[in-house]
Amino acid sequence: MRTERQRSKHVLIKLQGRRYHKTESSIPTHALPKMKFAVGRTDNSHGLLIAVGFLLLNLHVLPEAEGKVRGLPHYMTSDVKEVAGKSFDYIVVGGGTTACPLAATLSENFSVLLVERGGSPFGNPLVTDKSYYGLSLVQTDEYTSLAQSFVSKDRVQNYRGRVLGGSSAINGGFYSRASKDFIKRARWDEELVKQAYEWVESKLVFVPELTSWQTVVELGLLESGILPNNAYNLEHIEGTKVGGTMFDQCGKRHTSADLLEEGNPNNIIVLLNATVNNIIFCNNGKGNESRACGIRFSKSDGSPNHIHEAYLSKPKKDSSTWGDVILSAGALGSPQILLLSGIGPHEHLKDFNIPITVDLKEVGQGVQDNPAIAVFFDTMPQKRLPEPPEVVGIADNFRVIIEAGVILINLNASRMRITAKMAFPASQGKLELNNTDPRRNPSVEFNYLAKEKDLEQCVKMVRLLHRVTKSESVSLFLGIKSKPQENLMPRASSDKELRKLCKNNVRTYYHYHGGCAVGSVVGEDYRVYGVEGLRVIDGSTFRESPGTNPMATLLMLGRYQGIKILEQIKETSG
């Protein structure tokens, strides 16, 4: 049996110089000098995982002490008294992937309060250190951990970010833009979209240095017919490519929170460890329609009944223009806050004795999560360093996305896997309240594979995944070429068997979206229907997950919509 180092060398010797004749694109030469053999990494991992236990015992993911936090910018605080009773031109609820570039952009001309229910990512190795990738999903609790776990009514485990930077602080850091078609369907300004992407990329995105496993997966995708070879590329194009990464060459993660540095520090306050309970409305003087004029919030680790308030500033004497409360709390948080604020289906809100502000039936409706199927390549868990995805296969007319990585399954072990995601599921679900505590998860059901179309697509996806796992490169690297390895990928041949496999093994890709969709809950200007002064700008407005991974487009969206709002104000003020 070859060692892992020998298998890696053998793969390279066998495949060096081979050409994929469909596109005449050779194996990417950038991968060859960057091979890192995992045999040394495996040996070091034992010490790493011991260190991880020591790290967690000392770190324990506690919330920051109240007030200014040492080492953070002066505009960040966790003292609610510094914000309570004050007024701002804009209030951004949520400090996640979209919120930070949005707040930074608005602060160029206006005062901005950003309220984040979690703590700071800065200086926290569970966020910043690539060696600890995935540990934030292993170590969770109800109110203070970096990630908040939830189980959908489909009985699928999932996570949401609870830290400044949101999911960009806990995910795999894979960066890839949306397709041109997605941008056209959104009716966005294509040139401004390009500028917003480039603004983000100039500050956060790096070219990854592929590990041995990522290189082998890249070759396996090409051998499986996922062509052409697009090498390093940020565009969403069919074939196999290397994407951007939020981890720099030193293994340090960069997050959307870094973009706050691009704002005006004199115009922005970031309140950490505070959860927004609901939105304050006042009469706009134009009949029955209400206007958002502030927020109610409480300390995340305190009682939700100990309420504080912050307000939108009234227009200046020479202007009639108000600012907005902008929800950017994510695909679970934004619809949840709307419901808690009395915006949603009347019958549902009545069950919780929530006064009706707007009877908007589509709030929480149409939520989706992309179904995924994963293949694990270790018959037993190993002690490898965790490894985020850096290579992707985009196949079947963009319908299937395939990535690979090494994930932690507990504090002492990791597993290698390849995962396929269904890009355009037809099945939809809904989000509703469980209770009126904003710190707790709402009820959500995604209805994975409920539509026949999705089951048929899943069968095709599994067959493609099977080809990748049986490719020459992957087989030689893992030393399983001569074995059927039924426990890794069952040799189900009939559609009926594969449909059963899909139903029994469906999992999340963590790309859930919807619940406040454009055209149903908000207009194309992202203003909530039936009320003034309130917008939603985040992934809850999407009807599909953009690109291979939505993070790039969510970052872009914050910058893009921030610029659009500044332009609108400029036009209004003449």
Protein backbone atom coordinates (compact mmCIF):
# COMPACT_ATOMS: atom_id res chain seq x y z
CA MET A 1 0.00 0.00 0.00
CA ARG A 2 1.46 3.36 -0.99
CA THR A 3 1.89 6.07 1.60
CA GLU A 4 -0.09 9.26 1.06
CA ARG A 5 3.08 11.01 -0.15
CA GLN A 6 3.78 8.22 -2.64
CA ARG A 7 0.20 8.27 -3.93
CA SER A 8 0.40 12.05 -4.46
CA LYS A 9 3.63 11.72 -6.40
CA HIS A 10 2.18 8.88 -8.45
CA VAL A 11 -0.86 10.95 -9.39
CA LEU A 12 1.37 13.76 -10.61
CA ILE A 13 3.64 11.44 -12.57
CA LYS A 14 0.67 9.71 -14.20
CA LEU A 15 -1.12 12.94 -15.10
CA GLN A 16 1.70 15.33 -15.89
CA GLY A 17 1.35 16.52 -19.46
CA ARG A 18 -2.05 14.89 -20.08
CA ARG A 19 -4.42 17.08 -22.08
CA TYR A 20 -8.21 17.27 -21.91
CA HIS A 21 -8.99 17.25 -25.61
CA LYS A 22 -12.52 18.61 -25.39
CA THR A 23 -11.08 22.08 -24.78
CA GLU A 24 -7.36 21.48 -25.40
CA SER A 25 -6.79 22.77 -21.86
CA SER A 26 -3.84 21.18 -20.07
CA ILE A 27 -3.65 20.23 -16.43
CA PRO A 28 -3.03 23.47 -14.50
CA THR A 29 0.70 23.88 -14.07
CA HIS A 30 0.16 26.26 -11.16
CA ALA A 31 -0.84 23.24 -9.08
CA LEU A 32 2.39 21.26 -9.57
CA PRO A 33 4.92 23.33 -7.62
CA LYS A 34 2.41 24.00 -4.85
CA MET A 35 1.82 20.40 -3.80
CA LYS A 36 1.90 19.91 -0.06
CA PHE A 37 1.93 16.30 1.01
CA ALA A 38 -0.38 15.47 3.85
CA VAL A 39 1.86 12.91 5.55
CA GLY A 40 3.66 15.65 7.49
CA ARG A 41 0.42 17.49 8.13
CA THR A 42 -1.16 14.38 9.59
CA ASP A 43 1.66 13.91 12.06
CA ASN A 44 1.45 17.54 13.20
CA SER A 45 -2.31 17.39 13.57
CA HIS A 46 -2.12 15.38 16.78
CA GLY A 47 -0.33 18.24 18.48
CA LEU A 48 -2.73 20.68 16.86
CA LEU A 49 -5.80 18.98 18.23
CA ILE A 50 -4.31 18.84 21.71
CA ALA A 51 -3.65 22.57 21.35
CA VAL A 52 -7.23 23.07 20.22
CA GLY A 53 -8.52 21.62 23.48
CA PHE A 54 -6.21 23.91 25.43
CA LEU A 55 -7.33 26.85 23.28
CA LEU A 56 -11.01 26.23 23.90
CA LEU A 57 -10.51 25.79 27.63
CA ASN A 58 -8.90 29.22 27.78
CA LEU A 59 -10.96 31.00 25.14
CA HIS A 60 -14.36 29.47 25.88
CA VAL A 61 -16.00 31.97 23.50
CA LEU A 62 -17.23 34.37 26.16
CA PRO A 63 -18.85 37.68 25.23
CA GLU A 64 -16.69 40.77 25.47
CA ALA A 65 -16.72 42.74 28.69
CA GLU A 66 -19.17 45.61 28.60
CA GLY A 67 -17.82 48.82 27.13
CA LYS A 68 -14.84 49.51 24.90
CA VAL A 69 -12.88 46.37 24.04
CA ARG A 70 -9.11 46.59 24.11
CA GLY A 71 -7.52 46.25 20.68
CA LEU A 72 -10.68 47.19 18.78
CA PRO A 73 -11.38 50.41 16.89
CA HIS A 74 -12.79 53.21 19.03
CA TYR A 75 -16.13 53.06 17.21
CA MET A 76 -16.89 49.55 18.53
CA THR A 77 -18.52 49.00 21.90
CA SER A 78 -20.62 46.47 23.78
CA ASP A 79 -21.99 49.03 26.23
CA VAL A 80 -25.66 49.55 25.36
CA LYS A 81 -25.68 52.78 27.38
CA GLU A 82 -23.41 54.41 24.79
CA VAL A 83 -26.14 53.95 22.18
CA ALA A 84 -29.44 53.96 24.08
CA GLY A 85 -31.55 57.05 23.43
CA LYS A 86 -29.33 58.37 20.63
CA SER A 87 -30.27 59.12 17.01
CA PHE A 88 -28.57 58.18 13.75
CA ASP A 89 -29.16 58.82 10.06
CA TYR A 90 -29.16 55.07 9.36
CA ILE A 91 -29.53 52.04 11.59
CA VAL A 92 -28.25 48.72 10.21
CA VAL A 93 -29.59 45.67 12.06
CA GLY A 94 -27.12 42.79 11.88
CA GLY A 95 -23.36 42.91 11.40
CA GLY A 96 -22.95 40.12 8.86
CA THR A 97 -21.55 39.61 5.38
CA THR A 98 -23.68 42.29 3.68
CA ALA A 99 -24.10 44.64 6.62
CA CYS A 100 -20.47 45.63 7.14
CA PRO A 101 -19.73 46.92 3.60
CA LEU A 102 -23.18 48.56 3.59
CA ALA A 103 -22.56 50.41 6.86
CA ALA A 104 -19.03 51.41 5.81
CA THR A 105 -20.34 52.87 2.53
CA LEU A 106 -23.20 54.80 4.15
CA SER A 107 -20.83 56.23 6.77
CA GLU A 108 -19.01 58.16 4.06
CA ASN A 109 -21.80 60.77 4.26
CA PHE A 110 -24.08 59.84 7.15
CA SER A 111 -24.07 58.72 10.77
CA VAL A 112 -24.62 54.98 11.07
CA LEU A 113 -25.41 52.64 13.95
CA LEU A 114 -24.68 48.97 13.25
CA VAL A 115 -26.08 46.50 15.81
CA GLU A 116 -24.59 42.99 15.96
CA ARG A 117 -25.95 40.31 18.26
CA GLY A 118 -22.56 38.58 18.54
CA GLY A 119 -19.08 39.68 19.49
CA SER A 120 -15.92 40.71 17.69
CA PRO A 121 -14.00 38.41 15.32
CA PHE A 122 -10.74 40.31 15.78
CA GLY A 123 -8.06 38.41 17.65
CA ASN A 124 -10.22 35.31 17.98
CA PRO A 125 -8.25 32.35 16.58
CA LEU A 126 -11.45 30.39 15.94
CA VAL A 127 -12.15 33.01 13.29
CA THR A 128 -8.75 34.18 12.13
CA ASP A 129 -6.61 31.01 12.07
CA LYS A 130 -7.04 28.66 9.11
CA SER A 131 -5.80 25.79 11.29
CA TYR A 132 -8.95 26.16 13.39
CA TYR A 133 -11.35 26.29 10.43
CA GLY A 134 -14.62 24.59 11.37
CA LEU A 135 -14.09 24.63 15.14
CA SER A 136 -16.69 27.37 15.53
CA LEU A 137 -19.30 24.87 14.29
CA VAL A 138 -18.17 22.25 16.78
CA GLN A 139 -18.27 24.53 19.83
CA THR A 140 -21.74 26.09 19.99
CA ASP A 141 -24.15 27.21 22.71
CA GLU A 142 -27.54 28.89 22.83
CA TYR A 143 -26.62 32.57 23.24
CA THR A 144 -22.90 33.41 22.97
CA SER A 145 -21.02 31.13 20.55
CA LEU A 146 -19.68 32.34 17.19
CA ALA A 147 -22.12 30.05 15.38
CA GLN A 148 -25.68 29.34 16.42
CA SER A 149 -26.88 25.88 15.49
CA PHE A 150 -30.42 25.09 14.46
CA VAL A 151 -32.27 22.05 13.21
CA SER A 152 -34.90 22.61 10.55
CA LYS A 153 -38.22 20.82 10.68
CA ASP A 154 -36.69 18.59 7.98
CA ARG A 155 -34.38 17.32 10.76
CA VAL A 156 -31.26 18.64 9.05
CA GLN A 157 -28.57 20.26 11.23
CA ASN A 158 -27.57 23.77 10.17
CA TYR A 159 -25.75 26.89 11.41
CA ARG A 160 -25.96 30.68 11.28
CA GLY A 161 -23.28 33.23 12.12
CA ARG A 162 -23.39 35.12 15.43
CA VAL A 163 -20.35 37.35 15.24
CA LEU A 164 -19.38 40.61 13.56
CA GLY A 165 -18.72 39.55 9.97
CA GLY A 166 -21.50 36.95 10.10
CA SER A 167 -21.03 33.80 8.08
CA SER A 168 -17.92 35.23 6.42
CA ALA A 169 -16.25 34.68 9.81
CA ILE A 170 -17.13 30.99 10.11
CA ASN A 171 -17.49 29.61 6.56
CA GLY A 172 -14.94 28.10 4.16
CA GLY A 173 -13.96 31.48 2.74
CA PHE A 174 -14.56 30.42 -0.88
CA TYR A 175 -15.02 33.49 -3.08
CA SER A 176 -16.72 33.33 -6.49
CA ARG A 177 -18.98 35.85 -8.22
CA ALA A 178 -22.57 35.40 -9.38
CA SER A 179 -23.34 34.53 -12.99
CA LYS A 180 -24.01 37.24 -15.56
CA ASP A 181 -27.57 35.89 -15.87
CA PHE A 182 -28.16 36.27 -12.13
CA ILE A 183 -27.09 39.91 -12.29
CA LYS A 184 -29.37 40.55 -15.27
CA ARG A 185 -32.34 38.90 -13.56
CA ALA A 186 -31.74 41.09 -10.52
CA ARG A 187 -31.84 44.12 -12.85
CA TRP A 188 -28.72 45.53 -11.24
CA ASP A 189 -26.42 48.08 -12.88
CA GLU A 190 -23.77 45.77 -14.37
CA GLU A 191 -20.97 48.34 -14.30
CA LEU A 192 -21.67 49.27 -10.67
CA VAL A 193 -21.82 45.56 -9.78
CA LYS A 194 -18.38 45.09 -11.34
CA GLN A 195 -16.99 48.06 -9.41
CA ALA A 196 -18.50 46.78 -6.14
CA TYR A 197 -17.01 43.29 -6.63
CA GLU A 198 -13.61 44.78 -7.39
CA TRP A 199 -13.79 47.02 -4.31
CA VAL A 200 -14.36 43.94 -2.13
CA GLU A 201 -11.72 41.87 -3.91
CA SER A 202 -9.02 44.52 -3.55
CA LYS A 203 -9.34 44.28 0.22
CA LEU A 204 -10.34 40.73 1.12
CA VAL A 205 -9.62 38.16 -1.61
CA PHE A 206 -6.47 36.11 -2.20
CA VAL A 207 -5.23 33.42 -4.60
CA PRO A 208 -5.11 30.11 -2.69
CA GLU A 209 -2.10 27.83 -2.57
CA LEU A 210 -3.58 24.41 -3.25
CA THR A 211 -2.95 21.52 -0.90
CA SER A 212 -2.41 18.00 -2.19
CA TRP A 213 -6.06 17.08 -1.60
CA GLN A 214 -7.36 20.16 -3.41
CA THR A 215 -5.03 19.49 -6.36
CA VAL A 216 -6.17 15.87 -6.61
CA VAL A 217 -9.82 16.92 -6.52
CA GLU A 218 -9.14 19.48 -9.27
CA LEU A 219 -7.68 16.71 -11.44
CA GLY A 220 -10.52 14.35 -10.56
CA LEU A 221 -13.14 16.91 -11.60
CA LEU A 222 -11.43 17.36 -14.97
CA GLU A 223 -11.13 13.61 -15.51
CA SER A 224 -14.86 13.30 -14.78
CA GLY A 225 -15.64 15.57 -17.71
CA ILE A 226 -16.29 18.80 -15.79
CA LEU A 227 -14.64 20.94 -18.44
CA PRO A 228 -13.01 23.21 -19.43
CA ASN A 229 -10.13 23.82 -17.05
CA ASN A 230 -10.61 27.47 -16.08
CA ALA A 231 -7.61 27.63 -13.70
CA TYR A 232 -7.90 30.55 -11.21
CA ASN A 233 -11.07 32.45 -12.00
CA LEU A 234 -13.57 34.50 -9.99
CA GLU A 235 -16.35 34.35 -12.60
CA HIS A 236 -19.21 31.84 -12.47
CA ILE A 237 -18.48 29.80 -15.58
CA GLU A 238 -19.05 26.14 -16.33
CA GLY A 239 -16.09 23.82 -15.83
CA THR A 240 -13.44 23.31 -13.15
CA LYS A 241 -11.69 26.24 -11.54
CA VAL A 242 -9.78 27.50 -8.53
CA GLY A 243 -11.75 30.19 -6.70
CA GLY A 244 -10.63 33.07 -4.54
CA THR A 245 -10.16 32.67 -0.81
CA MET A 246 -10.57 34.92 2.23
CA PHE A 247 -7.51 33.27 3.83
CA ASP A 248 -4.26 35.06 3.06
CA GLN A 249 -0.85 33.44 2.48
CA CYS A 250 -0.20 33.41 6.23
CA GLY A 251 -3.37 31.43 6.88
CA LYS A 252 -5.22 34.40 8.38
CA ARG A 253 -8.91 34.77 7.58
CA HIS A 254 -10.27 38.13 6.45
CA THR A 255 -13.98 38.84 6.95
CA SER A 256 -16.57 41.42 5.98
CA ALA A 257 -15.86 43.09 9.34
CA ASP A 258 -12.51 44.22 7.88
CA LEU A 259 -14.46 46.45 5.48
CA LEU A 260 -15.64 48.64 8.34
CA GLU A 261 -12.14 50.13 8.26
CA GLU A 262 -13.05 51.61 4.86
CA GLY A 263 -15.82 53.72 6.41
CA ASN A 264 -15.64 57.05 8.19
CA PRO A 265 -14.79 56.15 11.80
CA ASN A 266 -16.29 59.42 13.02
CA ASN A 267 -19.66 58.54 11.48
CA ILE A 268 -20.14 54.96 12.62
CA ILE A 269 -20.84 53.15 15.88
CA VAL A 270 -20.80 49.35 16.04
CA LEU A 271 -22.73 47.98 19.01
CA LEU A 272 -21.70 44.38 19.77
CA ASN A 273 -23.50 41.72 21.81
CA ALA A 274 -26.87 43.41 21.40
CA THR A 275 -29.97 41.76 19.92
CA VAL A 276 -32.67 43.78 18.19
CA ASN A 277 -36.12 42.90 19.54
CA ASN A 278 -38.22 44.79 17.01
CA ILE A 279 -38.62 47.99 15.00
CA ILE A 280 -40.23 51.15 16.34
CA PHE A 281 -42.86 52.71 14.06
CA CYS A 282 -44.40 56.14 14.08
CA ASN A 283 -47.12 57.77 12.00
CA ASN A 284 -45.77 59.35 8.84
CA GLY A 285 -48.56 61.93 8.66
CA LYS A 286 -49.80 60.53 5.34
CA GLY A 287 -52.77 58.48 6.42
CA ASN A 288 -52.46 54.94 7.79
CA GLU A 289 -48.97 54.09 6.51
CA SER A 290 -46.31 53.86 9.20
CA ARG A 291 -42.67 54.89 9.14
CA ALA A 292 -39.79 53.07 10.82
CA CYS A 293 -38.25 55.51 13.25
CA GLY A 294 -36.02 53.38 15.47
CA ILE A 295 -35.28 50.02 17.08
CA ARG A 296 -35.67 48.30 20.43
CA PHE A 297 -32.77 46.14 21.57
CA SER A 298 -31.38 44.29 24.56
CA LYS A 299 -28.10 42.74 25.63
CA SER A 300 -27.63 39.36 23.99
CA ASP A 301 -26.56 37.74 27.25
CA GLY A 302 -29.19 39.49 29.35
CA SER A 303 -32.95 39.53 29.64
CA PRO A 304 -34.83 40.28 26.41
CA ASN A 305 -37.27 42.24 28.60
CA HIS A 306 -34.61 44.80 29.59
CA ILE A 307 -35.19 47.03 26.59
CA HIS A 308 -33.23 49.97 25.16
CA GLU A 309 -34.08 52.16 22.19
CA ALA A 310 -32.22 54.01 19.41
CA TYR A 311 -33.80 56.26 16.82
CA LEU A 312 -33.50 57.59 13.31
CA SER A 313 -32.54 61.23 13.15
CA LYS A 314 -35.23 63.61 11.95
CA PRO A 315 -34.56 65.35 8.63
CA LYS A 316 -32.46 68.51 8.79
CA LYS A 317 -34.18 71.86 8.23
CA ASP A 318 -33.01 72.06 4.62
CA SER A 319 -34.15 68.50 3.80
CA SER A 320 -37.28 66.39 3.97
CA THR A 321 -35.37 63.13 3.56
CA TRP A 322 -35.32 60.57 6.36
CA GLY A 323 -32.81 57.77 6.66
CA ASP A 324 -33.78 54.11 7.04
CA VAL A 325 -33.70 51.19 9.37
CA ILE A 326 -32.03 48.50 7.26
CA LEU A 327 -32.40 44.84 8.17
CA SER A 328 -29.29 42.88 7.26
CA ALA A 329 -29.66 40.07 9.75
CA GLY A 330 -29.59 37.17 7.28
CA ALA A 331 -32.06 34.73 5.81
CA LEU A 332 -33.32 33.70 9.25
CA GLY A 333 -32.84 36.93 11.19
CA SER A 334 -34.42 39.48 8.83
CA PRO A 335 -37.79 37.73 8.35
CA GLN A 336 -37.83 36.93 12.08
CA ILE A 337 -37.41 40.61 13.00
CA LEU A 338 -40.11 41.65 10.52
CA LEU A 339 -42.51 39.18 12.12
CA LEU A 340 -41.60 40.36 15.64
CA SER A 341 -42.28 43.91 14.42
CA GLY A 342 -45.79 43.09 13.23
CA ILE A 343 -45.00 42.73 9.53
CA GLY A 344 -46.16 39.38 8.22
CA PRO A 345 -49.21 37.10 7.89
CA HIS A 346 -51.99 38.38 10.12
CA GLU A 347 -53.13 34.95 11.34
CA HIS A 348 -49.63 33.88 12.33
CA LEU A 349 -48.87 37.11 14.21
CA LYS A 350 -52.21 36.87 16.04
CA ASP A 351 -51.03 33.55 17.56
CA PHE A 352 -48.28 35.47 19.37
CA ASN A 353 -50.37 38.55 20.24
CA ILE A 354 -48.16 40.75 18.06
CA PRO A 355 -49.94 43.93 16.91
CA ILE A 356 -50.23 44.13 13.12
CA THR A 357 -48.20 46.82 11.37
CA VAL A 358 -48.54 45.44 7.84
CA ASP A 359 -50.41 42.28 6.84
CA LEU A 360 -47.68 41.06 4.48
CA LYS A 361 -48.35 37.39 3.82
CA GLU A 362 -45.10 36.63 1.95
CA VAL A 363 -42.79 37.32 4.91
CA GLY A 364 -41.05 34.03 5.73
CA GLN A 365 -42.44 32.31 2.65
CA GLY A 366 -40.34 30.74 -0.11
CA VAL A 367 -37.23 30.04 1.98
CA GLN A 368 -34.86 27.59 0.32
CA ASP A 369 -31.73 25.67 1.18
CA ASN A 370 -29.71 24.00 -1.58
CA PRO A 371 -29.83 20.22 -1.07
CA ALA A 372 -26.41 18.57 -0.90
CA ILE A 373 -24.99 15.04 -0.91
CA ALA A 374 -21.56 14.38 0.61
CA VAL A 375 -19.13 11.48 0.27
CA PHE A 376 -16.65 10.89 3.09
CA PHE A 377 -13.37 9.22 2.13
CA ASP A 378 -12.17 8.09 5.53
CA THR A 379 -13.65 4.83 6.70
CA MET A 380 -12.51 6.06 10.12
CA PRO A 381 -11.99 9.67 11.29
CA GLN A 382 -8.40 10.91 11.03
CA LYS A 383 -6.34 13.66 12.66
CA ARG A 384 -5.72 15.83 9.62
CA LEU A 385 -5.67 19.59 9.71
CA PRO A 386 -9.00 21.07 8.58
CA GLU A 387 -9.00 22.31 5.02
CA PRO A 388 -11.51 24.71 3.39
CA PRO A 389 -12.53 24.23 -0.26
CA GLU A 390 -10.43 26.00 -2.91
CA VAL A 391 -11.48 24.19 -6.10
CA VAL A 392 -14.95 23.87 -7.60
CA GLY A 393 -16.62 21.96 -10.41
CA ILE A 394 -19.58 23.67 -12.09
CA ALA A 395 -21.48 21.13 -14.18
CA ASP A 396 -24.75 20.16 -15.89
CA ASN A 397 -25.53 23.62 -17.25
CA PHE A 398 -24.70 25.21 -13.88
CA ARG A 399 -27.14 22.92 -12.03
CA VAL A 400 -24.50 21.07 -9.96
CA ILE A 401 -21.69 22.50 -7.83
CA ILE A 402 -18.97 20.19 -6.44
CA GLU A 403 -16.40 21.15 -3.81
CA ALA A 404 -14.16 19.25 -1.40
CA GLY A 405 -12.45 19.82 1.92
CA VAL A 406 -11.34 18.35 5.23
CA ILE A 407 -13.82 19.09 8.00
CA LEU A 408 -13.68 18.69 11.76
CA ILE A 409 -16.32 16.35 13.13
CA ASN A 410 -15.30 16.89 16.78
CA LEU A 411 -12.36 18.31 18.73
CA ASN A 412 -10.21 15.26 18.03
CA ALA A 413 -10.92 14.17 14.48
CA SER A 414 -11.54 15.31 10.92
CA ARG A 415 -12.75 13.70 7.70
CA MET A 416 -12.11 14.23 3.99
CA ARG A 417 -15.17 14.74 1.85
CA ILE A 418 -16.46 15.77 -1.57
CA THR A 419 -19.87 17.44 -1.62
CA ALA A 420 -22.27 18.13 -4.46
CA LYS A 421 -24.86 20.91 -4.24
CA MET A 422 -28.07 21.34 -6.25
CA ALA A 423 -27.89 24.91 -7.53
CA PHE A 424 -31.55 25.50 -8.47
CA PRO A 425 -33.94 23.55 -6.23
CA ALA A 426 -37.64 23.89 -7.02
CA SER A 427 -38.79 22.96 -3.52
CA GLN A 428 -39.56 25.80 -1.13
CA GLY A 429 -40.38 26.07 2.53
CA LYS A 430 -41.37 28.64 5.12
CA LEU A 431 -40.11 30.39 8.23
CA GLU A 432 -42.31 31.14 11.23
CA LEU A 433 -41.93 32.25 14.82
CA ASN A 434 -41.45 29.72 17.60
CA ASN A 435 -41.73 32.38 20.29
CA THR A 436 -41.12 36.10 20.76
CA ASP A 437 -37.54 35.86 22.07
CA PRO A 438 -35.35 37.34 19.27
CA ARG A 439 -32.28 35.50 20.55
CA ARG A 440 -33.78 32.10 19.79
CA ASN A 441 -34.09 30.50 16.37
CA PRO A 442 -37.33 30.76 14.45
CA SER A 443 -38.98 27.64 13.06
CA VAL A 444 -37.90 26.86 9.51
CA GLU A 445 -38.75 24.09 7.08
CA PHE A 446 -36.96 23.90 3.72
CA ASN A 447 -38.82 20.91 2.26
CA TYR A 448 -35.68 19.36 0.78
CA LEU A 449 -36.39 17.31 -2.37
CA ALA A 450 -40.16 17.70 -1.96
CA LYS A 451 -40.61 18.36 -5.68
CA GLU A 452 -40.22 15.50 -8.15
CA LYS A 453 -37.94 17.70 -10.25
CA ASP A 454 -35.49 17.96 -7.36
CA LEU A 455 -35.39 14.20 -6.81
CA GLU A 456 -34.62 13.64 -10.49
CA GLN A 457 -31.86 16.23 -10.34
CA CYS A 458 -30.44 14.65 -7.20
CA VAL A 459 -30.14 11.30 -8.98
CA LYS A 460 -28.13 12.96 -11.75
CA MET A 461 -26.03 14.75 -9.13
CA VAL A 462 -25.18 11.51 -7.32
CA ARG A 463 -24.15 9.82 -10.57
CA LEU A 464 -21.79 12.70 -11.33
CA LEU A 465 -20.42 12.63 -7.78
CA HIS A 466 -19.79 8.91 -8.24
CA ARG A 467 -17.71 9.61 -11.37
CA VAL A 468 -15.59 12.11 -9.47
CA THR A 469 -14.98 9.77 -6.54
CA LYS A 470 -13.97 6.99 -8.94
CA SER A 471 -11.69 9.19 -11.04
CA GLU A 472 -8.12 8.00 -11.50
CA SER A 473 -6.57 10.84 -9.53
CA VAL A 474 -8.85 10.50 -6.51
CA SER A 475 -8.60 6.71 -6.51
CA LEU A 476 -4.79 6.68 -6.75
CA PHE A 477 -4.41 9.34 -4.10
CA LEU A 478 -6.61 7.45 -1.65
CA GLY A 479 -5.32 4.01 -2.61
CA ILE A 480 -8.81 2.61 -3.30
CA LYS A 481 -8.66 1.98 -7.06
CA SER A 482 -9.02 -1.77 -6.79
CA LYS A 483 -11.73 -1.74 -4.11
CA PRO A 484 -15.41 -1.02 -4.62
CA GLN A 485 -15.57 0.87 -1.27
CA GLU A 486 -19.33 0.44 -0.94
CA ASN A 487 -19.28 2.37 2.34
CA LEU A 488 -17.98 5.48 0.57
CA MET A 489 -20.38 5.56 -2.40
CA PRO A 490 -22.98 2.77 -2.64
CA ARG A 491 -23.10 1.11 -6.03
CA ALA A 492 -26.79 1.77 -6.44
CA SER A 493 -27.57 1.37 -10.10
CA SER A 494 -31.28 2.07 -10.34
CA ASP A 495 -32.93 5.46 -10.13
CA LYS A 496 -35.15 4.09 -7.38
CA GLU A 497 -32.15 3.22 -5.20
CA LEU A 498 -30.52 6.58 -5.83
CA ARG A 499 -33.73 8.42 -4.99
CA LYS A 500 -33.78 6.61 -1.67
CA LEU A 501 -30.11 7.49 -1.12
CA CYS A 502 -30.92 11.16 -1.76
CA LYS A 503 -33.82 11.22 0.67
CA ASN A 504 -31.85 9.47 3.41
CA ASN A 505 -28.64 11.47 3.04
CA VAL A 506 -29.67 14.99 2.05
CA ARG A 507 -27.77 17.65 3.95
CA THR A 508 -27.27 21.40 3.90
CA TYR A 509 -24.70 23.40 1.96
CA TYR A 510 -25.31 26.33 4.37
CA HIS A 511 -26.56 28.52 1.50
CA TYR A 512 -30.15 29.00 2.65
CA HIS A 513 -31.89 32.13 1.40
CA GLY A 514 -35.27 33.78 0.83
CA GLY A 515 -38.07 34.80 3.17
CA CYS A 516 -38.00 38.50 2.18
CA ALA A 517 -37.80 38.09 -1.58
CA VAL A 518 -37.62 41.00 -3.99
CA GLY A 519 -41.06 41.37 -5.57
CA SER A 520 -42.85 39.72 -2.65
CA VAL A 521 -41.70 41.50 0.52
CA VAL A 522 -39.43 44.26 -0.81
CA GLY A 523 -39.31 46.19 -4.07
CA GLU A 524 -36.32 46.57 -6.37
CA ASP A 525 -35.11 49.39 -4.11
CA TYR A 526 -35.20 46.86 -1.22
CA ARG A 527 -37.85 48.88 0.64
CA VAL A 528 -40.40 46.82 2.56
CA TYR A 529 -43.89 47.06 1.08
CA GLY A 530 -46.52 48.96 3.07
CA VAL A 531 -44.19 50.93 5.35
CA GLU A 532 -41.71 53.77 4.93
CA GLY A 533 -38.15 54.00 6.17
CA LEU A 534 -37.50 50.25 6.25
CA ARG A 535 -35.34 48.15 3.92
CA VAL A 536 -34.02 44.59 3.85
CA ILE A 537 -30.63 44.09 2.22
CA ASP A 538 -29.19 40.58 2.57
CA GLY A 539 -29.60 37.00 1.34
CA SER A 540 -33.21 36.81 2.52
CA THR A 541 -34.10 38.87 -0.58
CA PHE A 542 -32.66 36.24 -2.99
CA ARG A 543 -34.80 33.72 -4.86
CA GLU A 544 -31.74 31.60 -5.64
CA SER A 545 -28.24 31.27 -4.24
CA PRO A 546 -25.83 33.18 -6.52
CA GLY A 547 -22.77 31.52 -8.02
CA THR A 548 -21.03 28.59 -6.38
CA ASN A 549 -21.13 30.28 -2.97
CA PRO A 550 -23.19 33.40 -2.12
CA MET A 551 -20.59 35.18 0.03
CA ALA A 552 -18.98 37.16 -2.80
CA THR A 553 -22.33 38.49 -4.00
CA LEU A 554 -23.51 39.30 -0.47
CA LEU A 555 -20.35 41.34 0.08
CA MET A 556 -20.86 43.05 -3.26
CA LEU A 557 -24.53 43.72 -2.45
CA GLY A 558 -23.63 45.70 0.67
CA ARG A 559 -21.29 47.98 -1.25
CA TYR A 560 -23.63 48.19 -4.26
CA GLN A 561 -26.75 49.13 -2.30
CA GLY A 562 -24.80 51.54 -0.12
CA ILE A 563 -23.72 53.43 -3.24
CA LYS A 564 -27.25 53.31 -4.67
CA ILE A 565 -28.68 54.84 -1.47
CA LEU A 566 -26.05 57.61 -1.50
CA GLU A 567 -26.90 58.33 -5.13
CA GLN A 568 -30.64 58.43 -4.36
CA ILE A 569 -30.10 60.90 -1.51
CA LYS A 570 -27.94 63.08 -3.73
CA GLU A 571 -30.60 63.13 -6.45
CA THR A 572 -33.38 63.90 -3.95
CA SER A 573 -31.48 66.76 -2.36
CA GLY A 574 -30.82 68.26 -5.82
